[in-house]
N, C-alpha and C. Protein backbone atom coordinates (compact mmCIF):
# COMPACT_ATOMS: atom_id res chain seq x y z
N MET A 1 73.96 148.83 152.50
CA MET A 1 73.73 149.59 153.71
C MET A 1 72.30 149.47 154.17
N PHE A 2 71.32 149.68 153.29
CA PHE A 2 69.93 149.63 153.71
C PHE A 2 69.42 148.20 153.79
N GLY A 3 70.17 147.24 153.27
CA GLY A 3 69.81 145.85 153.41
C GLY A 3 69.75 145.43 154.87
N LEU A 4 70.42 146.18 155.74
CA LEU A 4 70.39 145.85 157.16
C LEU A 4 68.99 145.99 157.73
N PHE A 5 68.13 146.74 157.09
CA PHE A 5 66.76 146.94 157.55
C PHE A 5 65.86 145.79 157.16
N SER A 6 66.30 144.91 156.32
CA SER A 6 65.46 143.82 155.85
C SER A 6 66.13 142.48 156.11
N LYS A 7 65.33 141.43 156.07
CA LYS A 7 65.85 140.09 156.33
C LYS A 7 66.91 139.71 155.31
N ASN A 8 66.64 139.97 154.06
CA ASN A 8 67.57 139.66 152.98
C ASN A 8 68.12 140.96 152.43
N ARG A 9 69.35 140.93 152.04
CA ARG A 9 69.96 142.16 151.53
C ARG A 9 69.58 142.39 150.07
N MET A 10 69.29 143.66 149.78
CA MET A 10 69.08 144.08 148.40
C MET A 10 69.59 145.50 148.29
N SER A 11 70.50 145.72 147.39
CA SER A 11 71.03 147.05 147.18
C SER A 11 70.09 147.83 146.26
N PRO A 12 70.19 149.15 146.27
CA PRO A 12 69.41 149.93 145.30
C PRO A 12 69.74 149.52 143.87
N GLN A 13 70.99 149.15 143.60
CA GLN A 13 71.37 148.70 142.25
C GLN A 13 70.61 147.44 141.86
N ASP A 14 70.48 146.51 142.81
CA ASP A 14 69.71 145.29 142.54
C ASP A 14 68.24 145.61 142.30
N ALA A 15 67.71 146.59 143.03
CA ALA A 15 66.31 146.99 142.85
C ALA A 15 66.11 147.60 141.47
N VAL A 16 67.03 148.46 141.05
CA VAL A 16 66.94 149.07 139.72
C VAL A 16 66.96 147.99 138.65
N SER A 17 67.89 147.07 138.75
CA SER A 17 68.02 145.99 137.78
C SER A 17 66.76 145.11 137.77
N GLY A 18 66.29 144.73 138.96
CA GLY A 18 65.10 143.88 139.05
C GLY A 18 63.84 144.56 138.57
N SER A 19 63.76 145.86 138.79
CA SER A 19 62.61 146.62 138.29
C SER A 19 62.60 146.63 136.76
N LYS A 20 63.77 146.81 136.18
CA LYS A 20 63.88 146.85 134.72
C LYS A 20 63.49 145.52 134.10
N ASP A 21 63.88 144.40 134.75
CA ASP A 21 63.57 143.10 134.15
C ASP A 21 62.26 142.49 134.65
N GLY A 22 61.55 143.23 135.49
CA GLY A 22 60.22 142.80 135.93
C GLY A 22 60.20 141.79 137.06
N THR A 23 61.34 141.56 137.73
CA THR A 23 61.38 140.58 138.80
C THR A 23 61.15 141.18 140.19
N ILE A 24 61.12 142.51 140.26
CA ILE A 24 60.94 143.21 141.53
C ILE A 24 59.88 144.28 141.38
N THR A 25 58.97 144.35 142.33
CA THR A 25 58.00 145.44 142.40
C THR A 25 58.56 146.50 143.32
N VAL A 26 58.62 147.73 142.84
CA VAL A 26 59.14 148.85 143.64
C VAL A 26 57.95 149.69 144.09
N ILE A 27 57.96 150.06 145.38
CA ILE A 27 56.89 150.88 145.94
C ILE A 27 57.47 152.13 146.57
N ASP A 28 56.96 153.28 146.16
CA ASP A 28 57.29 154.58 146.74
C ASP A 28 56.25 154.87 147.82
N VAL A 29 56.68 155.02 149.07
CA VAL A 29 55.74 155.23 150.17
C VAL A 29 55.68 156.69 150.64
N ARG A 30 56.22 157.61 149.84
CA ARG A 30 56.18 159.03 150.20
C ARG A 30 54.78 159.60 149.98
N GLU A 31 54.56 160.78 150.53
CA GLU A 31 53.28 161.47 150.37
C GLU A 31 53.14 162.00 148.94
N HIS A 32 51.89 162.28 148.56
CA HIS A 32 51.60 162.76 147.20
C HIS A 32 52.40 164.01 146.84
N GLY A 33 52.48 164.96 147.75
CA GLY A 33 53.20 166.21 147.48
C GLY A 33 54.67 165.99 147.18
N GLU A 34 55.28 165.04 147.90
CA GLU A 34 56.68 164.73 147.66
C GLU A 34 56.89 164.15 146.27
N VAL A 35 56.02 163.24 145.90
CA VAL A 35 56.14 162.59 144.60
C VAL A 35 55.84 163.60 143.48
N ALA A 36 54.86 164.46 143.70
CA ALA A 36 54.54 165.47 142.69
C ALA A 36 55.73 166.42 142.47
N ALA A 37 56.47 166.70 143.53
CA ALA A 37 57.59 167.64 143.45
C ALA A 37 58.82 167.03 142.80
N SER A 38 59.05 165.74 143.01
CA SER A 38 60.31 165.15 142.54
C SER A 38 60.17 164.03 141.53
N GLY A 39 58.96 163.52 141.35
CA GLY A 39 58.78 162.33 140.53
C GLY A 39 59.01 161.10 141.39
N LYS A 40 58.91 159.93 140.76
CA LYS A 40 59.10 158.67 141.47
C LYS A 40 59.97 157.76 140.62
N ALA A 41 60.41 156.68 141.21
CA ALA A 41 61.19 155.70 140.47
C ALA A 41 60.38 155.20 139.28
N ALA A 42 61.00 155.13 138.13
CA ALA A 42 60.31 154.67 136.93
C ALA A 42 59.73 153.28 137.17
N GLY A 43 58.44 153.14 136.92
CA GLY A 43 57.76 151.87 137.07
C GLY A 43 57.27 151.56 138.47
N ALA A 44 57.60 152.41 139.44
CA ALA A 44 57.22 152.14 140.83
C ALA A 44 55.73 152.40 141.05
N LEU A 45 55.17 151.63 141.96
CA LEU A 45 53.82 151.92 142.44
C LEU A 45 53.94 153.02 143.48
N HIS A 46 52.98 153.91 143.51
CA HIS A 46 52.97 154.94 144.57
C HIS A 46 51.86 154.59 145.54
N ILE A 47 52.26 154.19 146.74
CA ILE A 47 51.31 153.88 147.80
C ILE A 47 51.81 154.60 149.05
N PRO A 48 51.23 155.76 149.39
CA PRO A 48 51.69 156.48 150.57
C PRO A 48 51.64 155.59 151.82
N LEU A 49 52.61 155.75 152.69
CA LEU A 49 52.71 154.92 153.88
C LEU A 49 51.40 154.88 154.66
N ILE A 50 50.73 156.00 154.77
CA ILE A 50 49.49 156.06 155.54
C ILE A 50 48.39 155.17 154.94
N ARG A 51 48.50 154.85 153.65
CA ARG A 51 47.51 154.01 152.95
C ARG A 51 47.99 152.59 152.72
N LEU A 52 49.23 152.30 153.06
CA LEU A 52 49.83 151.02 152.72
C LEU A 52 49.09 149.83 153.31
N ARG A 53 48.73 149.90 154.58
CA ARG A 53 48.07 148.76 155.23
C ARG A 53 46.80 148.37 154.46
N ASP A 54 46.01 149.32 154.02
CA ASP A 54 44.79 149.01 153.27
C ASP A 54 45.09 148.56 151.84
N MET A 55 45.95 149.30 151.16
CA MET A 55 46.17 149.04 149.74
C MET A 55 47.02 147.79 149.48
N ALA A 56 47.71 147.29 150.51
CA ALA A 56 48.51 146.07 150.34
C ALA A 56 47.82 144.84 150.93
N ASP A 57 46.65 145.02 151.49
CA ASP A 57 45.91 143.90 152.09
C ASP A 57 44.89 143.39 151.07
N SER A 58 45.10 142.19 150.56
CA SER A 58 44.23 141.66 149.50
C SER A 58 42.78 141.50 149.93
N ARG A 59 42.50 141.55 151.22
CA ARG A 59 41.12 141.44 151.71
C ARG A 59 40.42 142.79 151.78
N HIS A 60 41.17 143.87 151.61
CA HIS A 60 40.61 145.22 151.74
C HIS A 60 40.07 145.70 150.39
N PRO A 61 38.95 146.44 150.39
CA PRO A 61 38.38 146.93 149.12
C PRO A 61 39.33 147.87 148.36
N ASP A 62 40.27 148.51 149.04
CA ASP A 62 41.20 149.42 148.37
C ASP A 62 42.50 148.74 147.95
N PHE A 63 42.51 147.40 147.95
CA PHE A 63 43.71 146.66 147.58
C PHE A 63 44.20 147.08 146.19
N GLN A 64 45.49 147.32 146.09
CA GLN A 64 46.13 147.69 144.82
C GLN A 64 46.39 146.39 144.06
N ASN A 65 45.52 146.06 143.11
CA ASN A 65 45.59 144.75 142.47
C ASN A 65 46.79 144.58 141.53
N THR A 66 47.55 145.63 141.30
CA THR A 66 48.77 145.48 140.51
C THR A 66 49.96 145.10 141.37
N LEU A 67 49.75 144.97 142.68
CA LEU A 67 50.80 144.59 143.61
C LEU A 67 50.96 143.08 143.61
N ASN A 68 52.16 142.61 143.30
CA ASN A 68 52.45 141.17 143.28
C ASN A 68 52.63 140.70 144.72
N THR A 69 51.69 139.94 145.21
CA THR A 69 51.72 139.53 146.62
C THR A 69 52.72 138.43 146.91
N SER A 70 53.27 137.79 145.89
CA SER A 70 54.20 136.68 146.14
C SER A 70 55.62 136.95 145.65
N GLY A 71 55.85 138.08 145.01
CA GLY A 71 57.17 138.35 144.46
C GLY A 71 58.03 139.24 145.36
N LYS A 72 59.21 139.58 144.86
CA LYS A 72 60.11 140.47 145.57
C LYS A 72 59.58 141.90 145.52
N ILE A 73 59.70 142.59 146.65
CA ILE A 73 59.26 143.97 146.76
C ILE A 73 60.37 144.80 147.34
N ALA A 74 60.62 145.96 146.73
CA ALA A 74 61.58 146.93 147.24
C ALA A 74 60.81 148.21 147.55
N VAL A 75 60.97 148.74 148.75
CA VAL A 75 60.29 149.97 149.14
C VAL A 75 61.30 151.07 149.40
N TYR A 76 60.89 152.31 149.11
CA TYR A 76 61.74 153.46 149.40
C TYR A 76 60.86 154.64 149.77
N CYS A 77 61.49 155.63 150.40
CA CYS A 77 60.82 156.88 150.74
C CYS A 77 61.79 158.02 150.41
N ALA A 78 61.91 159.00 151.28
CA ALA A 78 62.85 160.09 151.04
C ALA A 78 64.24 159.75 151.57
N THR A 79 64.30 159.12 152.75
CA THR A 79 65.60 158.85 153.36
C THR A 79 65.79 157.40 153.80
N GLY A 80 64.74 156.63 153.92
CA GLY A 80 64.83 155.24 154.35
C GLY A 80 64.11 154.92 155.64
N ALA A 81 63.67 155.95 156.38
CA ALA A 81 62.99 155.70 157.66
C ALA A 81 61.56 155.20 157.46
N ARG A 82 60.78 155.89 156.65
CA ARG A 82 59.40 155.44 156.41
C ARG A 82 59.36 154.12 155.66
N SER A 83 60.33 153.91 154.77
CA SER A 83 60.34 152.64 154.04
C SER A 83 60.69 151.48 154.96
N MET A 84 61.43 151.73 156.03
CA MET A 84 61.68 150.68 157.02
C MET A 84 60.35 150.28 157.67
N SER A 85 59.53 151.27 158.01
CA SER A 85 58.22 151.00 158.58
C SER A 85 57.32 150.28 157.57
N ALA A 86 57.40 150.70 156.31
CA ALA A 86 56.60 150.08 155.26
C ALA A 86 56.97 148.61 155.07
N ALA A 87 58.27 148.31 155.10
CA ALA A 87 58.71 146.93 154.96
C ALA A 87 58.17 146.08 156.11
N ARG A 88 58.19 146.62 157.30
CA ARG A 88 57.66 145.90 158.46
C ARG A 88 56.16 145.66 158.29
N THR A 89 55.42 146.65 157.84
CA THR A 89 53.98 146.51 157.61
C THR A 89 53.70 145.43 156.58
N LEU A 90 54.44 145.43 155.48
CA LEU A 90 54.23 144.43 154.44
C LEU A 90 54.50 143.02 154.96
N ARG A 91 55.54 142.88 155.76
CA ARG A 91 55.82 141.56 156.34
C ARG A 91 54.70 141.13 157.26
N GLN A 92 54.15 142.06 158.04
CA GLN A 92 53.02 141.74 158.92
C GLN A 92 51.81 141.28 158.13
N LEU A 93 51.67 141.78 156.90
CA LEU A 93 50.56 141.39 156.03
C LEU A 93 50.82 140.07 155.30
N GLY A 94 52.00 139.50 155.51
CA GLY A 94 52.30 138.21 154.92
C GLY A 94 53.22 138.23 153.72
N TYR A 95 53.69 139.40 153.31
CA TYR A 95 54.64 139.47 152.21
C TYR A 95 55.99 138.98 152.74
N GLY A 96 56.62 138.07 152.04
CA GLY A 96 57.81 137.45 152.57
C GLY A 96 59.13 138.03 152.09
N ASP A 97 59.17 138.56 150.89
CA ASP A 97 60.43 138.99 150.29
C ASP A 97 60.42 140.50 150.09
N VAL A 98 60.57 141.23 151.19
CA VAL A 98 60.43 142.69 151.20
C VAL A 98 61.75 143.32 151.61
N HIS A 99 62.15 144.38 150.91
CA HIS A 99 63.44 145.03 151.14
C HIS A 99 63.29 146.55 151.19
N ASN A 100 63.93 147.17 152.15
CA ASN A 100 64.03 148.62 152.23
C ASN A 100 65.29 149.02 151.49
N ILE A 101 65.14 149.77 150.41
CA ILE A 101 66.32 150.19 149.65
C ILE A 101 66.72 151.63 149.96
N GLY A 102 66.07 152.24 150.95
CA GLY A 102 66.47 153.58 151.38
C GLY A 102 65.60 154.67 150.81
N GLY A 103 66.25 155.70 150.28
CA GLY A 103 65.54 156.86 149.78
C GLY A 103 65.61 156.99 148.27
N LEU A 104 64.85 157.94 147.74
CA LEU A 104 64.83 158.17 146.30
C LEU A 104 66.23 158.50 145.78
N GLY A 105 67.02 159.21 146.56
CA GLY A 105 68.39 159.52 146.15
C GLY A 105 69.23 158.28 145.94
N HIS A 106 69.01 157.24 146.75
CA HIS A 106 69.74 155.99 146.58
C HIS A 106 69.37 155.34 145.25
N TRP A 107 68.09 155.40 144.90
CA TRP A 107 67.61 154.86 143.63
C TRP A 107 68.30 155.59 142.47
N VAL A 108 68.33 156.91 142.53
CA VAL A 108 68.92 157.71 141.44
C VAL A 108 70.42 157.44 141.35
N ARG A 109 71.13 157.42 142.48
CA ARG A 109 72.58 157.16 142.44
C ARG A 109 72.88 155.75 141.91
N ALA A 110 71.93 154.84 142.03
CA ALA A 110 72.13 153.48 141.51
C ALA A 110 71.81 153.39 140.02
N GLY A 111 71.48 154.52 139.41
CA GLY A 111 71.20 154.54 137.98
C GLY A 111 69.73 154.41 137.62
N GLY A 112 68.86 154.48 138.63
CA GLY A 112 67.42 154.36 138.38
C GLY A 112 66.84 155.62 137.75
N ALA A 113 65.95 155.43 136.83
CA ALA A 113 65.29 156.55 136.16
C ALA A 113 64.10 157.03 137.00
N LEU A 114 63.69 158.26 136.73
CA LEU A 114 62.53 158.85 137.39
C LEU A 114 61.43 159.09 136.37
N GLU A 115 60.20 159.15 136.88
CA GLU A 115 59.06 159.50 136.05
C GLU A 115 58.10 160.35 136.88
N ALA A 116 57.29 161.14 136.20
CA ALA A 116 56.29 161.96 136.88
C ALA A 116 55.14 161.08 137.34
N LEU A 117 54.49 161.50 138.40
CA LEU A 117 53.34 160.75 138.92
C LEU A 117 52.17 160.90 137.99
């Protein structure tokens, strides 16, 4: 369902599986308060949408150096709307294999574990 937001389809189940085997980088783009209240996908990077453009740009001093700039990326938020914007931003920055997997609930229903921030 949320694969429609991205060039290539990726289900939340595929994101969970890829995250576990290290082939997919998962990014939570929700605000700090949201993540503090509910936790985040296990192993996911937390980069709030408002900071994504800076933290995902390898030329910026705030670049998140644990972000794989050439691999598969799955983004999520609370419902899928902000992650759609995040996927578009990442593509504008040159990331080629970016997927919106929807919201945190989709991750959990796909069997994904949660962890505290």
